[in-house]
PDB file of N, CA and C in Angstrom:
ATOM      1  N   MET A   1      -9.599   0.838   6.928  1.00  0.00           N
ATOM      2  CA  MET A   1     -10.082  -0.107   5.542  1.00  0.00           C
ATOM      3  C   MET A   1     -10.498  -1.237   6.068  1.00  0.00           C
ATOM      4  N   ASP A   2     -11.822  -1.289   6.473  1.00  0.00           N
ATOM      5  CA  ASP A   2     -12.374  -2.570   6.799  1.00  0.00           C
ATOM      6  C   ASP A   2     -12.860  -3.459   5.559  1.00  0.00           C
ATOM      7  N   ILE A   3     -13.747  -4.331   5.816  1.00  0.00           N
ATOM      8  CA  ILE A   3     -14.384  -5.320   4.602  1.00  0.00           C
ATOM      9  C   ILE A   3     -14.880  -4.480   3.753  1.00  0.00           C
ATOM     10  N   GLU A   4     -15.807  -3.796   4.101  1.00  0.00           N
ATOM     11  CA  GLU A   4     -16.458  -2.788   3.048  1.00  0.00           C
ATOM     12  C   GLU A   4     -15.356  -2.018   2.290  1.00  0.00           C
ATOM     13  N   GLY A   5     -14.661  -1.090   2.832  1.00  0.00           N
ATOM     14  CA  GLY A   5     -13.524  -0.284   2.188  1.00  0.00           C
ATOM     15  C   GLY A   5     -12.720  -0.996   1.218  1.00  0.00           C
ATOM     16  N   ALA A   6     -12.323  -2.367   1.794  1.00  0.00           N
ATOM     17  CA  ALA A   6     -11.297  -3.139   0.937  1.00  0.00           C
ATOM     18  C   ALA A   6     -12.152  -3.658  -0.130  1.00  0.00           C
ATOM     19  N   ALA A   7     -13.164  -4.060  -0.154  1.00  0.00           N
ATOM     20  CA  ALA A   7     -14.169  -4.539  -1.159  1.00  0.00           C
ATOM     21  C   ALA A   7     -14.218  -3.649  -2.272  1.00  0.00           C
ATOM     22  N   SER A   8     -14.321  -2.033  -1.784  1.00  0.00           N
ATOM     23  CA  SER A   8     -14.575  -1.080  -2.711  1.00  0.00           C
ATOM     24  C   SER A   8     -13.457  -0.643  -3.503  1.00  0.00           C
ATOM     25  N   ILE A   9     -12.074  -1.219  -2.914  1.00  0.00           N
ATOM     26  CA  ILE A   9     -11.016  -1.043  -3.916  1.00  0.00           C
ATOM     27  C   ILE A   9     -10.216  -2.235  -4.428  1.00  0.00           C
ATOM     28  N   ASP A  10     -10.889  -3.225  -4.094  1.00  0.00           N
ATOM     29  CA  ASP A  10     -10.168  -4.653  -4.683  1.00  0.00           C
ATOM     30  C   ASP A  10     -10.182  -4.674  -6.212  1.00  0.00           C
ATOM     31  N   LEU A  11     -10.967  -4.398  -6.999  1.00  0.00           N
ATOM     32  CA  LEU A  11     -10.963  -4.388  -8.398  1.00  0.00           C
ATOM     33  C   LEU A  11      -9.902  -3.517  -8.987  1.00  0.00           C
ATOM     34  N   LYS A  12     -10.214  -2.134  -8.241  1.00  0.00           N
ATOM     35  CA  LYS A  12      -9.200  -1.205  -8.791  1.00  0.00           C
ATOM     36  C   LYS A  12      -7.892  -1.495  -8.585  1.00  0.00           C
ATOM     37  N   MET A  13      -7.544  -2.098  -7.339  1.00  0.00           N
ATOM     38  CA  MET A  13      -6.222  -2.405  -7.043  1.00  0.00           C
ATOM     39  C   MET A  13      -5.471  -3.538  -8.027  1.00  0.00           C
ATOM     40  N   ASN A  14      -6.509  -4.574  -8.067  1.00  0.00           N
ATOM     41  CA  ASN A  14      -6.060  -5.584  -9.147  1.00  0.00           C
ATOM     42  C   ASN A  14      -5.657  -5.122 -10.710  1.00  0.00           C
ATOM     43  N   ILE A  15      -6.575  -4.107 -10.939  1.00  0.00           N
ATOM     44  CA  ILE A  15      -6.194  -3.525 -12.327  1.00  0.00           C
ATOM     45  C   ILE A  15      -4.716  -2.830 -12.206  1.00  0.00           C
ATOM     46  N   VAL A  16      -4.597  -2.310 -11.030  1.00  0.00           N
ATOM     47  CA  VAL A  16      -3.526  -1.311 -10.855  1.00  0.00           C
ATOM     48  C   VAL A  16      -2.211  -2.066 -10.703  1.00  0.00           C
ATOM     49  N   GLY A  17      -2.340  -3.303 -10.159  1.00  0.00           N
ATOM     50  CA  GLY A  17      -1.367  -4.208  -9.930  1.00  0.00           C
ATOM     51  C   GLY A  17      -1.069  -4.906 -10.995  1.00  0.00           C
ATOM     52  N   GLY A  18      -2.035  -5.145 -11.909  1.00  0.00           N
ATOM     53  CA  GLY A  18      -1.491  -5.721 -13.181  1.00  0.00           C
ATOM     54  C   GLY A  18      -1.197  -5.197 -14.210  1.00  0.00           C
ATOM     55  N   THR A  19      -1.142  -3.718 -14.236  1.00  0.00           N
ATOM     56  CA  THR A  19      -0.857  -2.966 -15.244  1.00  0.00           C
ATOM     57  C   THR A  19       0.103  -1.757 -15.121  1.00  0.00           C
ATOM     58  N   SER A  20       0.436  -1.497 -13.648  1.00  0.00           N
ATOM     59  CA  SER A  20       1.494  -0.351 -13.429  1.00  0.00           C
ATOM     60  C   SER A  20       2.768  -1.013 -12.962  1.00  0.00           C
ATOM     61  N   ASN A  21       3.789  -0.307 -13.124  1.00  0.00           N
ATOM     62  CA  ASN A  21       5.198  -0.569 -12.596  1.00  0.00           C
ATOM     63  C   ASN A  21       5.725   0.132 -11.406  1.00  0.00           C
ATOM     64  N   SER A  22       4.940   1.238 -11.211  1.00  0.00           N
ATOM     65  CA  SER A  22       5.345   1.973  -9.966  1.00  0.00           C
ATOM     66  C   SER A  22       4.038   2.705  -9.250  1.00  0.00           C
ATOM     67  N   VAL A  23       3.924   2.407  -7.971  1.00  0.00           N
ATOM     68  CA  VAL A  23       2.657   2.739  -7.225  1.00  0.00           C
ATOM     69  C   VAL A  23       2.971   3.176  -5.855  1.00  0.00           C
ATOM     70  N   LEU A  24       2.551   4.414  -5.791  1.00  0.00           N
ATOM     71  CA  LEU A  24       2.311   4.950  -4.449  1.00  0.00           C
ATOM     72  C   LEU A  24       1.242   5.132  -3.929  1.00  0.00           C
ATOM     73  N   VAL A  25       0.827   4.340  -2.777  1.00  0.00           N
ATOM     74  CA  VAL A  25      -0.645   4.433  -2.158  1.00  0.00           C
ATOM     75  C   VAL A  25      -0.666   5.419  -1.020  1.00  0.00           C
ATOM     76  N   ASP A  26      -1.457   6.349  -1.223  1.00  0.00           N
ATOM     77  CA  ASP A  26      -1.650   7.480  -0.119  1.00  0.00           C
ATOM     78  C   ASP A  26      -2.538   6.958   0.661  1.00  0.00           C
ATOM     79  N   LEU A  27      -2.188   6.872   2.144  1.00  0.00           N
ATOM     80  CA  LEU A  27      -2.755   6.189   3.199  1.00  0.00           C
ATOM     81  C   LEU A  27      -2.863   7.104   4.191  1.00  0.00           C
ATOM     82  N   GLN A  28      -2.737   8.513   3.870  1.00  0.00           N
ATOM     83  CA  GLN A  28      -3.256   9.607   4.867  1.00  0.00           C
ATOM     84  C   GLN A  28      -4.580   9.707   5.458  1.00  0.00           C
ATOM     85  N   LYS A  29      -5.573   9.310   4.599  1.00  0.00           N
ATOM     86  CA  LYS A  29      -6.766   9.503   4.956  1.00  0.00           C
ATOM     87  C   LYS A  29      -7.435   8.227   5.416  1.00  0.00           C
ATOM     88  N   VAL A  30      -6.613   7.100   5.604  1.00  0.00           N
ATOM     89  CA  VAL A  30      -6.980   5.867   6.072  1.00  0.00           C
ATOM     90  C   VAL A  30      -6.984   5.784   7.468  1.00  0.00           C
ATOM     91  N   THR A  31      -8.118   5.667   8.398  1.00  0.00           N
ATOM     92  CA  THR A  31      -7.996   5.635   9.701  1.00  0.00           C
ATOM     93  C   THR A  31      -8.213   4.348  10.450  1.00  0.00           C
ATOM     94  N   TYR A  32      -8.420   3.174   9.600  1.00  0.00           N
ATOM     95  CA  TYR A  32      -8.463   2.010  10.118  1.00  0.00           C
ATOM     96  C   TYR A  32      -7.860   1.003   9.002  1.00  0.00           C
ATOM     97  N   LEU A  33      -7.080   0.057   9.481  1.00  0.00           N
ATOM     98  CA  LEU A  33      -6.418  -0.884   8.356  1.00  0.00           C
ATOM     99  C   LEU A  33      -6.609  -2.344   8.814  1.00  0.00           C
ATOM    100  N   GLY A  34      -7.602  -2.892   8.504  1.00  0.00           N
ATOM    101  CA  GLY A  34      -7.773  -4.454   8.992  1.00  0.00           C
ATOM    102  C   GLY A  34      -7.364  -5.526   7.930  1.00  0.00           C
ATOM    103  N   SER A  35      -7.228  -6.781   8.289  1.00  0.00           N
ATOM    104  CA  SER A  35      -6.425  -7.632   7.715  1.00  0.00           C
ATOM    105  C   SER A  35      -7.042  -7.784   6.227  1.00  0.00           C
ATOM    106  N   VAL A  36      -8.127  -7.616   5.924  1.00  0.00           N
ATOM    107  CA  VAL A  36      -8.844  -7.891   4.571  1.00  0.00           C
ATOM    108  C   VAL A  36      -8.158  -6.567   3.691  1.00  0.00           C
ATOM    109  N   GLY A  37      -8.120  -5.378   4.417  1.00  0.00           N
ATOM    110  CA  GLY A  37      -7.572  -4.354   3.646  1.00  0.00           C
ATOM    111  C   GLY A  37      -6.120  -4.606   3.298  1.00  0.00           C
ATOM    112  N   ILE A  38      -5.425  -4.993   4.344  1.00  0.00           N
ATOM    113  CA  ILE A  38      -3.745  -5.323   4.159  1.00  0.00           C
ATOM    114  C   ILE A  38      -3.709  -6.408   2.949  1.00  0.00           C
ATOM    115  N   SER A  39      -4.632  -7.544   3.031  1.00  0.00           N
ATOM    116  CA  SER A  39      -4.727  -8.453   2.005  1.00  0.00           C
ATOM    117  C   SER A  39      -4.649  -7.879   0.578  1.00  0.00           C
ATOM    118  N   VAL A  40      -5.606  -6.965   0.332  1.00  0.00           N
ATOM    119  CA  VAL A  40      -5.820  -6.354  -0.948  1.00  0.00           C
ATOM    120  C   VAL A  40      -4.617  -5.432  -1.375  1.00  0.00           C
ATOM    121  N   LEU A  41      -4.076  -4.838  -0.290  1.00  0.00           N
ATOM    122  CA  LEU A  41      -2.874  -4.146  -0.680  1.00  0.00           C
ATOM    123  C   LEU A  41      -1.876  -4.797  -1.255  1.00  0.00           C
ATOM    124  N   VAL A  42      -1.539  -6.138  -0.350  1.00  0.00           N
ATOM    125  CA  VAL A  42      -0.306  -6.625  -0.560  1.00  0.00           C
ATOM    126  C   VAL A  42      -0.639  -7.569  -1.768  1.00  0.00           C
ATOM    127  N   ALA A  43      -1.798  -7.848  -2.190  1.00  0.00           N
ATOM    128  CA  ALA A  43      -1.905  -8.677  -3.347  1.00  0.00           C
ATOM    129  C   ALA A  43      -1.583  -7.826  -4.464  1.00  0.00           C
ATOM    130  N   ALA A  44      -1.978  -6.597  -4.319  1.00  0.00           N
ATOM    131  CA  ALA A  44      -1.695  -5.799  -5.634  1.00  0.00           C
ATOM    132  C   ALA A  44      -0.112  -5.537  -5.860  1.00  0.00           C
ATOM    133  N   SER A  45       0.490  -5.545  -4.677  1.00  0.00           N
ATOM    134  CA  SER A  45       1.895  -5.260  -4.746  1.00  0.00           C
ATOM    135  C   SER A  45       2.778  -6.299  -5.392  1.00  0.00           C
ATOM    136  N   ARG A  46       2.284  -7.636  -5.288  1.00  0.00           N
ATOM    137  CA  ARG A  46       2.857  -8.727  -5.709  1.00  0.00           C
ATOM    138  C   ARG A  46       3.023  -8.711  -7.188  1.00  0.00           C
ATOM    139  N   PRO A  47       2.408  -8.540  -8.003  1.00  0.00           N
ATOM    140  CA  PRO A  47       2.760  -8.533  -9.648  1.00  0.00           C
ATOM    141  C   PRO A  47       3.763  -7.467 -10.149  1.00  0.00           C
ATOM    142  N   ILE A  48       3.325  -6.319  -9.452  1.00  0.00           N
ATOM    143  CA  ILE A  48       4.500  -5.265  -9.569  1.00  0.00           C
ATOM    144  C   ILE A  48       5.634  -5.530  -9.265  1.00  0.00           C
ATOM    145  N   LYS A  49       5.863  -5.864  -7.964  1.00  0.00           N
ATOM    146  CA  LYS A  49       7.140  -6.357  -7.336  1.00  0.00           C
ATOM    147  C   LYS A  49       7.810  -7.385  -8.423  1.00  0.00           C
ATOM    148  N   ASN A  50       7.148  -8.246  -8.968  1.00  0.00           N
ATOM    149  CA  ASN A  50       7.572  -9.546  -9.700  1.00  0.00           C
ATOM    150  C   ASN A  50       7.914  -9.009 -11.203  1.00  0.00           C
ATOM    151  N   ARG A  51       7.346  -7.934 -11.468  1.00  0.00           N
ATOM    152  CA  ARG A  51       7.933  -7.303 -12.708  1.00  0.00           C
ATOM    153  C   ARG A  51       9.064  -6.326 -12.489  1.00  0.00           C
ATOM    154  N   GLY A  52       9.480  -6.288 -11.252  1.00  0.00           N
ATOM    155  CA  GLY A  52      10.591  -5.388 -11.201  1.00  0.00           C
ATOM    156  C   GLY A  52      10.125  -3.912 -10.675  1.00  0.00           C
ATOM    157  N   GLY A  53       9.050  -3.794 -10.396  1.00  0.00           N
ATOM    158  CA  GLY A  53       8.449  -2.392 -10.181  1.00  0.00           C
ATOM    159  C   GLY A  53       8.561  -1.952  -8.603  1.00  0.00           C
ATOM    160  N   LYS A  54       8.048  -1.153  -8.436  1.00  0.00           N
ATOM    161  CA  LYS A  54       7.881  -0.373  -7.063  1.00  0.00           C
ATOM    162  C   LYS A  54       6.621  -0.187  -6.541  1.00  0.00           C
ATOM    163  N   PHE A  55       6.368  -0.261  -5.140  1.00  0.00           N
ATOM    164  CA  PHE A  55       4.907  -0.308  -4.519  1.00  0.00           C
ATOM    165  C   PHE A  55       5.294   0.115  -3.291  1.00  0.00           C
ATOM    166  N   ALA A  56       4.784   1.243  -2.801  1.00  0.00           N
ATOM    167  CA  ALA A  56       5.016   1.861  -1.361  1.00  0.00           C
ATOM    168  C   ALA A  56       3.820   2.572  -0.857  1.00  0.00           C
ATOM    169  N   PHE A  57       3.804   3.032   0.437  1.00  0.00           N
ATOM    170  CA  PHE A  57       2.560   3.469   1.072  1.00  0.00           C
ATOM    171  C   PHE A  57       3.228   4.935   1.533  1.00  0.00           C
ATOM    172  N   LEU A  58       2.387   5.683   1.392  1.00  0.00           N
ATOM    173  CA  LEU A  58       2.741   7.242   1.676  1.00  0.00           C
ATOM    174  C   LEU A  58       1.804   7.939   2.886  1.00  0.00           C
ATOM    175  N   GLY A  59       2.554   8.224   3.736  1.00  0.00           N
ATOM    176  CA  GLY A  59       1.668   9.006   4.971  1.00  0.00           C
ATOM    177  C   GLY A  59       0.557   8.526   6.024  1.00  0.00           C
ATOM    178  N   PRO A  60       0.848   7.078   6.310  1.00  0.00           N
ATOM    179  CA  PRO A  60      -0.222   6.554   7.072  1.00  0.00           C
ATOM    180  C   PRO A  60      -0.289   7.222   8.502  1.00  0.00           C
ATOM    181  N   ILE A  61      -1.068   7.219   9.049  1.00  0.00           N
ATOM    182  CA  ILE A  61      -1.565   8.099  10.299  1.00  0.00           C
ATOM    183  C   ILE A  61      -0.798   7.104  11.255  1.00  0.00           C
ATOM    184  N   PRO A  62      -0.532   7.692  12.611  1.00  0.00           N
ATOM    185  CA  PRO A  62       0.178   6.681  13.612  1.00  0.00           C
ATOM    186  C   PRO A  62      -0.442   5.383  13.873  1.00  0.00           C
ATOM    187  N   LEU A  63      -1.725   5.259  14.047  1.00  0.00           N
ATOM    188  CA  LEU A  63      -2.403   3.958  14.288  1.00  0.00           C
ATOM    189  C   LEU A  63      -2.239   3.169  13.046  1.00  0.00           C
ATOM    190  N   VAL A  64      -2.490   3.526  12.028  1.00  0.00           N
ATOM    191  CA  VAL A  64      -2.212   2.571  10.637  1.00  0.00           C
ATOM    192  C   VAL A  64      -0.525   2.282  10.518  1.00  0.00           C
ATOM    193  N   ALA A  65       0.222   3.173  10.642  1.00  0.00           N
ATOM    194  CA  ALA A  65       1.560   2.851  10.664  1.00  0.00           C
ATOM    195  C   ALA A  65       1.835   1.749  11.428  1.00  0.00           C
ATOM    196  N   GLU A  66       1.414   1.795  12.784  1.00  0.00           N
ATOM    197  CA  GLU A  66       1.553   0.909  14.093  1.00  0.00           C
ATOM    198  C   GLU A  66       0.834  -0.696  13.323  1.00  0.00           C
ATOM    199  N   VAL A  67       0.049  -0.627  12.560  1.00  0.00           N
ATOM    200  CA  VAL A  67      -0.678  -2.014  11.834  1.00  0.00           C
ATOM    201  C   VAL A  67       0.412  -2.297  10.978  1.00  0.00           C
ATOM    202  N   LEU A  68       0.974  -1.610  10.100  1.00  0.00           N
ATOM    203  CA  LEU A  68       1.952  -1.772   9.425  1.00  0.00           C
ATOM    204  C   LEU A  68       3.282  -2.404   9.875  1.00  0.00           C
ATOM    205  N   ARG A  69       3.793  -1.913  10.822  1.00  0.00           N
ATOM    206  CA  ARG A  69       4.666  -2.341  11.688  1.00  0.00           C
ATOM    207  C   ARG A  69       4.484  -3.833  12.405  1.00  0.00           C
ATOM    208  N   THR A  70       3.396  -3.953  13.051  1.00  0.00           N
ATOM    209  CA  THR A  70       2.958  -4.874  13.893  1.00  0.00           C
ATOM    210  C   THR A  70       2.984  -6.144  12.832  1.00  0.00           C
ATOM    211  N   THR A  71       2.482  -5.905  11.809  1.00  0.00           N
ATOM    212  CA  THR A  71       2.081  -7.208  10.854  1.00  0.00           C
ATOM    213  C   THR A  71       3.496  -7.437   9.862  1.00  0.00           C
ATOM    214  N   ASN A  72       4.400  -6.450  10.375  1.00  0.00           N
ATOM    215  CA  ASN A  72       5.645  -6.584   9.280  1.00  0.00           C
ATOM    216  C   ASN A  72       5.349  -6.214   7.795  1.00  0.00           C
ATOM    217  N   ILE A  73       4.497  -5.633   7.369  1.00  0.00           N
ATOM    218  CA  ILE A  73       4.097  -5.403   6.177  1.00  0.00           C
ATOM    219  C   ILE A  73       5.132  -4.017   5.899  1.00  0.00           C
ATOM    220  N   ASP A  74       5.622  -3.196   6.829  1.00  0.00           N
ATOM    221  CA  ASP A  74       6.430  -2.330   6.395  1.00  0.00           C
ATOM    222  C   ASP A  74       7.964  -2.928   5.939  1.00  0.00           C
ATOM    223  N   LYS A  75       8.136  -4.084   6.347  1.00  0.00           N
ATOM    224  CA  LYS A  75       9.196  -4.934   5.950  1.00  0.00           C
ATOM    225  C   LYS A  75       9.319  -5.552   4.319  1.00  0.00           C
ATOM    226  N   MET A  76       8.103  -5.437   3.866  1.00  0.00           N
ATOM    227  CA  MET A  76       7.746  -5.842   2.450  1.00  0.00           C
ATOM    228  C   MET A  76       7.574  -4.925   1.659  1.00  0.00           C
ATOM    229  N   ILE A  77       6.768  -3.813   2.115  1.00  0.00           N
ATOM    230  CA  ILE A  77       6.525  -2.597   1.262  1.00  0.00           C
ATOM    231  C   ILE A  77       6.922  -1.436   1.939  1.00  0.00           C
ATOM    232  N   PRO A  78       7.657  -0.606   1.227  1.00  0.00           N
ATOM    233  CA  PRO A  78       8.047   0.431   1.727  1.00  0.00           C
ATOM    234  C   PRO A  78       7.070   1.574   2.385  1.00  0.00           C
ATOM    235  N   VAL A  79       7.132   2.323   3.464  1.00  0.00           N
ATOM    236  CA  VAL A  79       6.348   3.363   4.146  1.00  0.00           C
ATOM    237  C   VAL A  79       7.174   4.455   4.224  1.00  0.00           C
ATOM    238  N   TYR A  80       6.616   5.696   3.386  1.00  0.00           N
ATOM    239  CA  TYR A  80       7.236   6.982   3.455  1.00  0.00           C
ATOM    240  C   TYR A  80       6.324   7.987   4.187  1.00  0.00           C
ATOM    241  N   PHE A  81       6.779   9.076   4.608  1.00  0.00           N
ATOM    242  CA  PHE A  81       6.215  10.122   5.388  1.00  0.00           C
ATOM    243  C   PHE A  81       6.234  11.225   4.934  1.00  0.00           C
ATOM    244  N   ASP A  82       7.067  11.336   3.740  1.00  0.00           N
ATOM    245  CA  ASP A  82       7.349  12.604   3.061  1.00  0.00           C
ATOM    246  C   ASP A  82       7.026  12.244   1.520  1.00  0.00           C
ATOM    247  N   LEU A  83       6.400  13.109   0.719  1.00  0.00           N
ATOM    248  CA  LEU A  83       6.063  13.001  -0.492  1.00  0.00           C
ATOM    249  C   LEU A  83       7.427  12.911  -1.306  1.00  0.00           C
ATOM    250  N   ASN A  84       8.193  14.164  -1.181  1.00  0.00           N
ATOM    251  CA  ASN A  84       9.315  14.145  -1.953  1.00  0.00           C
ATOM    252  C   ASN A  84      10.392  13.136  -1.801  1.00  0.00           C
ATOM    253  N   THR A  85      10.637  12.504  -0.686  1.00  0.00           N
ATOM    254  CA  THR A  85      11.502  11.146  -0.335  1.00  0.00           C
ATOM    255  C   THR A  85      10.791  10.260  -1.237  1.00  0.00           C
ATOM    256  N   ALA A  86       9.441   9.999  -1.165  1.00  0.00           N
ATOM    257  CA  ALA A  86       8.723   8.957  -1.575  1.00  0.00           C
ATOM    258  C   ALA A  86       8.825   8.879  -3.193  1.00  0.00           C
ATOM    259  N   LEU A  87       8.627  10.194  -3.850  1.00  0.00           N
ATOM    260  CA  LEU A  87       8.768  10.220  -5.326  1.00  0.00           C
ATOM    261  C   LEU A  87      10.527   9.968  -5.619  1.00  0.00           C
ATOM    262  N   ALA A  88      11.292  10.504  -4.806  1.00  0.00           N
ATOM    263  CA  ALA A  88      12.716  10.335  -5.117  1.00  0.00           C
ATOM    264  C   ALA A  88      13.024   8.682  -5.091  1.00  0.00           C
ATOM    265  N   GLU A  89      12.598   8.070  -4.224  1.00  0.00           N
ATOM    266  CA  GLU A  89      12.947   6.428  -3.939  1.00  0.00           C
ATOM    267  C   GLU A  89      11.908   5.606  -4.976  1.00  0.00           C
ATOM    268  N   MET A  90      10.993   6.156  -5.490  1.00  0.00           N
ATOM    269  CA  MET A  90      10.189   5.438  -6.414  1.00  0.00           C
ATOM    270  C   MET A  90      10.702   5.619  -7.714  1.00  0.00           C
ATOM    271  N   ALA A  91      11.416   6.622  -8.262  1.00  0.00           N
ATOM    272  CA  ALA A  91      12.142   6.942  -9.452  1.00  0.00           C
ATOM    273  C   ALA A  91      12.913   5.906 -10.035  1.00  0.00           C
TER     274      ALA A  91
END
């Protein structure tokens, strides 16, 4: 998710962040996650968490998972690699 990819989801994520209480973002097909993409995702997570909701990532490929670990985003936003586990934790 480079600048172009982040721009394409920015408005949608703002709407989701403002209206949802539980969001699981599927990252399985994301092959690149840059700082702008991270910013869009973190910004969407804040209002959800402020309302007591849950926001998490599902199935990032190893390269994207490493970016989440390196930037400590995985400490702020849970990362799941199994859908059933994610759904159980999100309930």
